[in-house]
Amino acid sequence: MDTLLPLDQMSRADKSRAIDVLWNEFQPNKETMDSPEWHLTALKETQKRYEDGLEIPMDLDEAEHQLRTRLNP
């Protein structure tokens, strides 16, 4: 089934609602959703970098700001 959303025509609020609807569809089945193997590997690598002082935690707003700055210089 091909369902395409007119993302370029949707407001931020509409996109946010669409994300919420999709996320809520996954919630009842979260026990049956297995993470891929690379997720655990990535988490372990990040934990090691954190323990070595190479990862500095930041709040979500700061992370979003940094990503937007990198993607839209």
PDB file of N, CA and C in Angstrom:
ATOM      1  N   MET A   1       0.850  -1.179   0.000  1.00  0.00           N
ATOM      2  CA  MET A   1       0.000   0.000   0.000  1.00  0.00           C
ATOM      3  C   MET A   1       0.887   1.230   0.000  1.00  0.00           C
ATOM      4  N   ASP A   2       0.704   2.069  -0.988  1.00  0.00           N
ATOM      5  CA  ASP A   2       1.452   3.309  -1.066  1.00  0.00           C
ATOM      6  C   ASP A   2       0.590   4.451  -0.560  1.00  0.00           C
ATOM      7  N   THR A   3       0.984   4.994   0.583  1.00  0.00           N
ATOM      8  CA  THR A   3       0.292   6.146   1.142  1.00  0.00           C
ATOM      9  C   THR A   3       1.293   7.282   1.192  1.00  0.00           C
ATOM     10  N   LEU A   4       1.024   8.317   0.457  1.00  0.00           N
ATOM     11  CA  LEU A   4       1.914   9.462   0.436  1.00  0.00           C
ATOM     12  C   LEU A   4       1.229  10.648   1.090  1.00  0.00           C
ATOM     13  N   LEU A   5       1.958  11.305   1.960  1.00  0.00           N
ATOM     14  CA  LEU A   5       1.440  12.507   2.595  1.00  0.00           C
ATOM     15  C   LEU A   5       2.013  13.715   1.866  1.00  0.00           C
ATOM     16  N   PRO A   6       1.210  14.740   1.663  1.00  0.00           N
ATOM     17  CA  PRO A   6       1.710  15.946   1.002  1.00  0.00           C
ATOM     18  C   PRO A   6       2.539  16.786   1.988  1.00  0.00           C
ATOM     19  N   LEU A   7       3.712  16.266   2.358  1.00  0.00           N
ATOM     20  CA  LEU A   7       4.515  16.907   3.397  1.00  0.00           C
ATOM     21  C   LEU A   7       4.825  18.361   3.078  1.00  0.00           C
ATOM     22  N   ASP A   8       5.077  18.652   1.818  1.00  0.00           N
ATOM     23  CA  ASP A   8       5.412  20.026   1.451  1.00  0.00           C
ATOM     24  C   ASP A   8       4.224  20.975   1.608  1.00  0.00           C
ATOM     25  N   GLN A   9       3.023  20.420   1.747  1.00  0.00           N
ATOM     26  CA  GLN A   9       1.829  21.243   1.906  1.00  0.00           C
ATOM     27  C   GLN A   9       1.305  21.248   3.341  1.00  0.00           C
ATOM     28  N   MET A  10       1.935  20.458   4.204  1.00  0.00           N
ATOM     29  CA  MET A  10       1.451  20.332   5.584  1.00  0.00           C
ATOM     30  C   MET A  10       2.139  21.342   6.499  1.00  0.00           C
ATOM     31  N   SER A  11       1.387  21.852   7.449  1.00  0.00           N
ATOM     32  CA  SER A  11       1.972  22.751   8.449  1.00  0.00           C
ATOM     33  C   SER A  11       2.770  21.917   9.449  1.00  0.00           C
ATOM     34  N   ARG A  12       3.570  22.589  10.254  1.00  0.00           N
ATOM     35  CA  ARG A  12       4.319  21.875  11.297  1.00  0.00           C
ATOM     36  C   ARG A  12       3.362  21.161  12.253  1.00  0.00           C
ATOM     37  N   ALA A  13       2.260  21.813  12.566  1.00  0.00           N
ATOM     38  CA  ALA A  13       1.284  21.203  13.465  1.00  0.00           C
ATOM     39  C   ALA A  13       0.693  19.933  12.849  1.00  0.00           C
ATOM     40  N   ASP A  14       0.378  19.976  11.544  1.00  0.00           N
ATOM     41  CA  ASP A  14      -0.157  18.795  10.868  1.00  0.00           C
ATOM     42  C   ASP A  14       0.875  17.662  10.847  1.00  0.00           C
ATOM     43  N   LYS A  15       2.127  17.990  10.589  1.00  0.00           N
ATOM     44  CA  LYS A  15       3.190  16.986  10.579  1.00  0.00           C
ATOM     45  C   LYS A  15       3.362  16.376  11.965  1.00  0.00           C
ATOM     46  N   SER A  16       3.293  17.210  12.979  1.00  0.00           N
ATOM     47  CA  SER A  16       3.420  16.721  14.350  1.00  0.00           C
ATOM     48  C   SER A  16       2.282  15.762  14.688  1.00  0.00           C
ATOM     49  N   ARG A  17       1.065  16.109  14.278  1.00  0.00           N
ATOM     50  CA  ARG A  17      -0.078  15.226  14.525  1.00  0.00           C
ATOM     51  C   ARG A  17       0.098  13.902  13.782  1.00  0.00           C
ATOM     52  N   ALA A  18       0.614  13.959  12.560  1.00  0.00           N
ATOM     53  CA  ALA A  18       0.833  12.731  11.785  1.00  0.00           C
ATOM     54  C   ALA A  18       1.860  11.835  12.481  1.00  0.00           C
ATOM     55  N   ILE A  19       2.915  12.428  13.016  1.00  0.00           N
ATOM     56  CA  ILE A  19       3.915  11.660  13.756  1.00  0.00           C
ATOM     57  C   ILE A  19       3.271  11.010  14.973  1.00  0.00           C
ATOM     58  N   ASP A  20       2.448  11.765  15.692  1.00  0.00           N
ATOM     59  CA  ASP A  20       1.770  11.220  16.871  1.00  0.00           C
ATOM     60  C   ASP A  20       0.878  10.036  16.507  1.00  0.00           C
ATOM     61  N   VAL A  21       0.145  10.160  15.415  1.00  0.00           N
ATOM     62  CA  VAL A  21      -0.743   9.074  14.987  1.00  0.00           C
ATOM     63  C   VAL A  21       0.074   7.827  14.664  1.00  0.00           C
ATOM     64  N   LEU A  22       1.158   8.005  13.904  1.00  0.00           N
ATOM     65  CA  LEU A  22       2.000   6.856  13.558  1.00  0.00           C
ATOM     66  C   LEU A  22       2.626   6.235  14.798  1.00  0.00           C
ATOM     67  N   TRP A  23       3.144   7.074  15.689  1.00  0.00           N
ATOM     68  CA  TRP A  23       3.784   6.561  16.905  1.00  0.00           C
ATOM     69  C   TRP A  23       2.782   5.764  17.742  1.00  0.00           C
ATOM     70  N   ASN A  24       1.582   6.289  17.876  1.00  0.00           N
ATOM     71  CA  ASN A  24       0.564   5.604  18.671  1.00  0.00           C
ATOM     72  C   ASN A  24       0.160   4.265  18.054  1.00  0.00           C
ATOM     73  N   GLU A  25       0.282   4.133  16.750  1.00  0.00           N
ATOM     74  CA  GLU A  25       0.002   2.859  16.098  1.00  0.00           C
ATOM     75  C   GLU A  25       1.013   1.796  16.515  1.00  0.00           C
ATOM     76  N   PHE A  26       2.240   2.194  16.800  1.00  0.00           N
ATOM     77  CA  PHE A  26       3.275   1.255  17.210  1.00  0.00           C
ATOM     78  C   PHE A  26       3.158   0.861  18.676  1.00  0.00           C
ATOM     79  N   GLN A  27       2.633   1.713  19.504  1.00  0.00           N
ATOM     80  CA  GLN A  27       2.629   1.489  20.948  1.00  0.00           C
ATOM     81  C   GLN A  27       2.005   0.174  21.396  1.00  0.00           C
ATOM     82  N   PRO A  28       0.835  -0.212  20.909  1.00  0.00           N
ATOM     83  CA  PRO A  28       0.256  -1.463  21.404  1.00  0.00           C
ATOM     84  C   PRO A  28       1.117  -2.680  21.077  1.00  0.00           C
ATOM     85  N   ASN A  29       1.960  -2.567  20.062  1.00  0.00           N
ATOM     86  CA  ASN A  29       2.748  -3.704  19.618  1.00  0.00           C
ATOM     87  C   ASN A  29       4.210  -3.594  20.020  1.00  0.00           C
ATOM     88  N   LYS A  30       4.532  -2.740  20.975  1.00  0.00           N
ATOM     89  CA  LYS A  30       5.942  -2.517  21.275  1.00  0.00           C
ATOM     90  C   LYS A  30       6.644  -3.771  21.798  1.00  0.00           C
ATOM     91  N   GLU A  31       5.894  -4.727  22.376  1.00  0.00           N
ATOM     92  CA  GLU A  31       6.530  -5.960  22.838  1.00  0.00           C
ATOM     93  C   GLU A  31       7.024  -6.789  21.660  1.00  0.00           C
ATOM     94  N   THR A  32       6.370  -6.659  20.519  1.00  0.00           N
ATOM     95  CA  THR A  32       6.731  -7.471  19.366  1.00  0.00           C
ATOM     96  C   THR A  32       7.746  -6.787  18.464  1.00  0.00           C
ATOM     97  N   MET A  33       8.094  -5.560  18.773  1.00  0.00           N
ATOM     98  CA  MET A  33       9.061  -4.833  17.956  1.00  0.00           C
ATOM     99  C   MET A  33      10.461  -5.042  18.518  1.00  0.00           C
ATOM    100  N   ASP A  34      11.294  -5.727  17.764  1.00  0.00           N
ATOM    101  CA  ASP A  34      12.666  -5.949  18.179  1.00  0.00           C
ATOM    102  C   ASP A  34      13.566  -4.896  17.547  1.00  0.00           C
ATOM    103  N   SER A  35      14.483  -4.387  18.335  1.00  0.00           N
ATOM    104  CA  SER A  35      15.459  -3.453  17.806  1.00  0.00           C
ATOM    105  C   SER A  35      16.502  -4.219  17.006  1.00  0.00           C
ATOM    106  N   PRO A  36      17.020  -3.609  15.965  1.00  0.00           N
ATOM    107  CA  PRO A  36      18.086  -4.270  15.216  1.00  0.00           C
ATOM    108  C   PRO A  36      19.342  -4.399  16.075  1.00  0.00           C
ATOM    109  N   GLU A  37      20.200  -5.346  15.741  1.00  0.00           N
ATOM    110  CA  GLU A  37      21.426  -5.596  16.503  1.00  0.00           C
ATOM    111  C   GLU A  37      22.295  -4.351  16.634  1.00  0.00           C
ATOM    112  N   TRP A  38      22.351  -3.543  15.565  1.00  0.00           N
ATOM    113  CA  TRP A  38      23.246  -2.392  15.595  1.00  0.00           C
ATOM    114  C   TRP A  38      22.838  -1.377  16.660  1.00  0.00           C
ATOM    115  N   HIS A  39      21.568  -1.376  17.086  1.00  0.00           N
ATOM    116  CA  HIS A  39      21.144  -0.454  18.152  1.00  0.00           C
ATOM    117  C   HIS A  39      21.941  -0.711  19.429  1.00  0.00           C
ATOM    118  N   LEU A  40      22.039  -1.979  19.835  1.00  0.00           N
ATOM    119  CA  LEU A  40      22.765  -2.315  21.059  1.00  0.00           C
ATOM    120  C   LEU A  40      24.240  -1.952  20.915  1.00  0.00           C
ATOM    121  N   THR A  41      24.798  -2.230  19.755  1.00  0.00           N
ATOM    122  CA  THR A  41      26.200  -1.879  19.506  1.00  0.00           C
ATOM    123  C   THR A  41      26.404  -0.373  19.623  1.00  0.00           C
ATOM    124  N   ALA A  42      25.515   0.406  19.009  1.00  0.00           N
ATOM    125  CA  ALA A  42      25.623   1.865  19.062  1.00  0.00           C
ATOM    126  C   ALA A  42      25.475   2.380  20.488  1.00  0.00           C
ATOM    127  N   LEU A  43      24.555   1.799  21.244  1.00  0.00           N
ATOM    128  CA  LEU A  43      24.373   2.218  22.639  1.00  0.00           C
ATOM    129  C   LEU A  43      25.609   1.917  23.475  1.00  0.00           C
ATOM    130  N   LYS A  44      26.201   0.749  23.265  1.00  0.00           N
ATOM    131  CA  LYS A  44      27.413   0.390  24.008  1.00  0.00           C
ATOM    132  C   LYS A  44      28.572   1.313  23.648  1.00  0.00           C
ATOM    133  N   GLU A  45      28.700   1.642  22.371  1.00  0.00           N
ATOM    134  CA  GLU A  45      29.763   2.556  21.941  1.00  0.00           C
ATOM    135  C   GLU A  45      29.580   3.941  22.560  1.00  0.00           C
ATOM    136  N   THR A  46      28.349   4.414  22.582  1.00  0.00           N
ATOM    137  CA  THR A  46      28.060   5.721  23.168  1.00  0.00           C
ATOM    138  C   THR A  46      28.333   5.705  24.669  1.00  0.00           C
ATOM    139  N   GLN A  47      27.931   4.639  25.348  1.00  0.00           N
ATOM    140  CA  GLN A  47      28.188   4.508  26.786  1.00  0.00           C
ATOM    141  C   GLN A  47      29.689   4.555  27.063  1.00  0.00           C
ATOM    142  N   LYS A  48      30.471   3.871  26.241  1.00  0.00           N
ATOM    143  CA  LYS A  48      31.935   3.847  26.413  1.00  0.00           C
ATOM    144  C   LYS A  48      32.515   5.250  26.207  1.00  0.00           C
ATOM    145  N   ARG A  49      32.063   5.943  25.169  1.00  0.00           N
ATOM    146  CA  ARG A  49      32.551   7.307  24.925  1.00  0.00           C
ATOM    147  C   ARG A  49      32.173   8.226  26.085  1.00  0.00           C
ATOM    148  N   TYR A  50      30.971   8.035  26.641  1.00  0.00           N
ATOM    149  CA  TYR A  50      30.534   8.834  27.793  1.00  0.00           C
ATOM    150  C   TYR A  50      31.443   8.569  28.998  1.00  0.00           C
ATOM    151  N   GLU A  51      31.704   7.293  29.261  1.00  0.00           N
ATOM    152  CA  GLU A  51      32.559   6.931  30.388  1.00  0.00           C
ATOM    153  C   GLU A  51      33.990   7.457  30.207  1.00  0.00           C
ATOM    154  N   ASP A  52      34.436   7.562  28.963  1.00  0.00           N
ATOM    155  CA  ASP A  52      35.774   8.074  28.668  1.00  0.00           C
ATOM    156  C   ASP A  52      35.810   9.603  28.608  1.00  0.00           C
ATOM    157  N   GLY A  53      34.663  10.242  28.840  1.00  0.00           N
ATOM    158  CA  GLY A  53      34.599  11.702  28.819  1.00  0.00           C
ATOM    159  C   GLY A  53      34.543  12.297  27.428  1.00  0.00           C
ATOM    160  N   LEU A  54      34.238  11.480  26.429  1.00  0.00           N
ATOM    161  CA  LEU A  54      34.187  11.953  25.051  1.00  0.00           C
ATOM    162  C   LEU A  54      32.786  12.333  24.593  1.00  0.00           C
ATOM    163  N   GLU A  55      31.784  11.968  25.367  1.00  0.00           N
ATOM    164  CA  GLU A  55      30.397  12.328  25.085  1.00  0.00           C
ATOM    165  C   GLU A  55      29.919  13.261  26.181  1.00  0.00           C
ATOM    166  N   ILE A  56      29.356  14.382  25.786  1.00  0.00           N
ATOM    167  CA  ILE A  56      28.844  15.341  26.757  1.00  0.00           C
ATOM    168  C   ILE A  56      27.335  15.417  26.588  1.00  0.00           C
ATOM    169  N   PRO A  57      26.582  15.039  27.625  1.00  0.00           N
ATOM    170  CA  PRO A  57      25.121  15.098  27.514  1.00  0.00           C
ATOM    171  C   PRO A  57      24.633  16.537  27.305  1.00  0.00           C
ATOM    172  N   MET A  58      23.542  16.656  26.549  1.00  0.00           N
ATOM    173  CA  MET A  58      22.928  17.970  26.369  1.00  0.00           C
ATOM    174  C   MET A  58      21.430  17.783  26.296  1.00  0.00           C
ATOM    175  N   ASP A  59      20.706  18.846  26.568  1.00  0.00           N
ATOM    176  CA  ASP A  59      19.254  18.718  26.516  1.00  0.00           C
ATOM    177  C   ASP A  59      18.784  18.721  25.062  1.00  0.00           C
ATOM    178  N   LEU A  60      17.561  18.299  24.866  1.00  0.00           N
ATOM    179  CA  LEU A  60      17.016  18.123  23.532  1.00  0.00           C
ATOM    180  C   LEU A  60      16.999  19.421  22.735  1.00  0.00           C
ATOM    181  N   ASP A  61      16.684  20.544  23.384  1.00  0.00           N
ATOM    182  CA  ASP A  61      16.653  21.823  22.674  1.00  0.00           C
ATOM    183  C   ASP A  61      18.019  22.172  22.110  1.00  0.00           C
ATOM    184  N   GLU A  62      19.079  21.959  22.897  1.00  0.00           N
ATOM    185  CA  GLU A  62      20.430  22.255  22.429  1.00  0.00           C
ATOM    186  C   GLU A  62      20.823  21.319  21.297  1.00  0.00           C
ATOM    187  N   ALA A  63      20.479  20.041  21.412  1.00  0.00           N
ATOM    188  CA  ALA A  63      20.797  19.075  20.351  1.00  0.00           C
ATOM    189  C   ALA A  63      20.102  19.472  19.049  1.00  0.00           C
ATOM    190  N   GLU A  64      18.832  19.844  19.150  1.00  0.00           N
ATOM    191  CA  GLU A  64      18.093  20.264  17.960  1.00  0.00           C
ATOM    192  C   GLU A  64      18.723  21.508  17.343  1.00  0.00           C
ATOM    193  N   HIS A  65      19.106  22.463  18.179  1.00  0.00           N
ATOM    194  CA  HIS A  65      19.739  23.688  17.685  1.00  0.00           C
ATOM    195  C   HIS A  65      21.033  23.356  16.936  1.00  0.00           C
ATOM    196  N   GLN A  66      21.858  22.496  17.507  1.00  0.00           N
ATOM    197  CA  GLN A  66      23.120  22.134  16.864  1.00  0.00           C
ATOM    198  C   GLN A  66      22.893  21.424  15.529  1.00  0.00           C
ATOM    199  N   LEU A  67      21.917  20.520  15.494  1.00  0.00           N
ATOM    200  CA  LEU A  67      21.624  19.825  14.238  1.00  0.00           C
ATOM    201  C   LEU A  67      21.116  20.783  13.172  1.00  0.00           C
ATOM    202  N   ARG A  68      20.230  21.681  13.562  1.00  0.00           N
ATOM    203  CA  ARG A  68      19.713  22.649  12.591  1.00  0.00           C
ATOM    204  C   ARG A  68      20.824  23.546  12.069  1.00  0.00           C
ATOM    205  N   THR A  69      21.747  23.931  12.948  1.00  0.00           N
ATOM    206  CA  THR A  69      22.860  24.781  12.527  1.00  0.00           C
ATOM    207  C   THR A  69      23.748  24.042  11.523  1.00  0.00           C
ATOM    208  N   ARG A  70      24.004  22.760  11.774  1.00  0.00           N
ATOM    209  CA  ARG A  70      24.836  21.973  10.863  1.00  0.00           C
ATOM    210  C   ARG A  70      24.153  21.751   9.515  1.00  0.00           C
ATOM    211  N   LEU A  71      22.844  21.510   9.548  1.00  0.00           N
ATOM    212  CA  LEU A  71      22.133  21.189   8.323  1.00  0.00           C
ATOM    213  C   LEU A  71      21.754  22.422   7.514  1.00  0.00           C
ATOM    214  N   ASN A  72      21.648  23.563   8.157  1.00  0.00           N
ATOM    215  CA  ASN A  72      21.251  24.807   7.480  1.00  0.00           C
ATOM    216  C   ASN A  72      22.239  25.917   7.828  1.00  0.00           C
ATOM    217  N   PRO A  73      23.448  25.808   7.330  1.00  0.00           N
ATOM    218  CA  PRO A  73      24.462  26.826   7.695  1.00  0.00           C
ATOM    219  C   PRO A  73      24.131  28.214   7.177  1.00  0.00           C
TER     220      PRO A  73
END
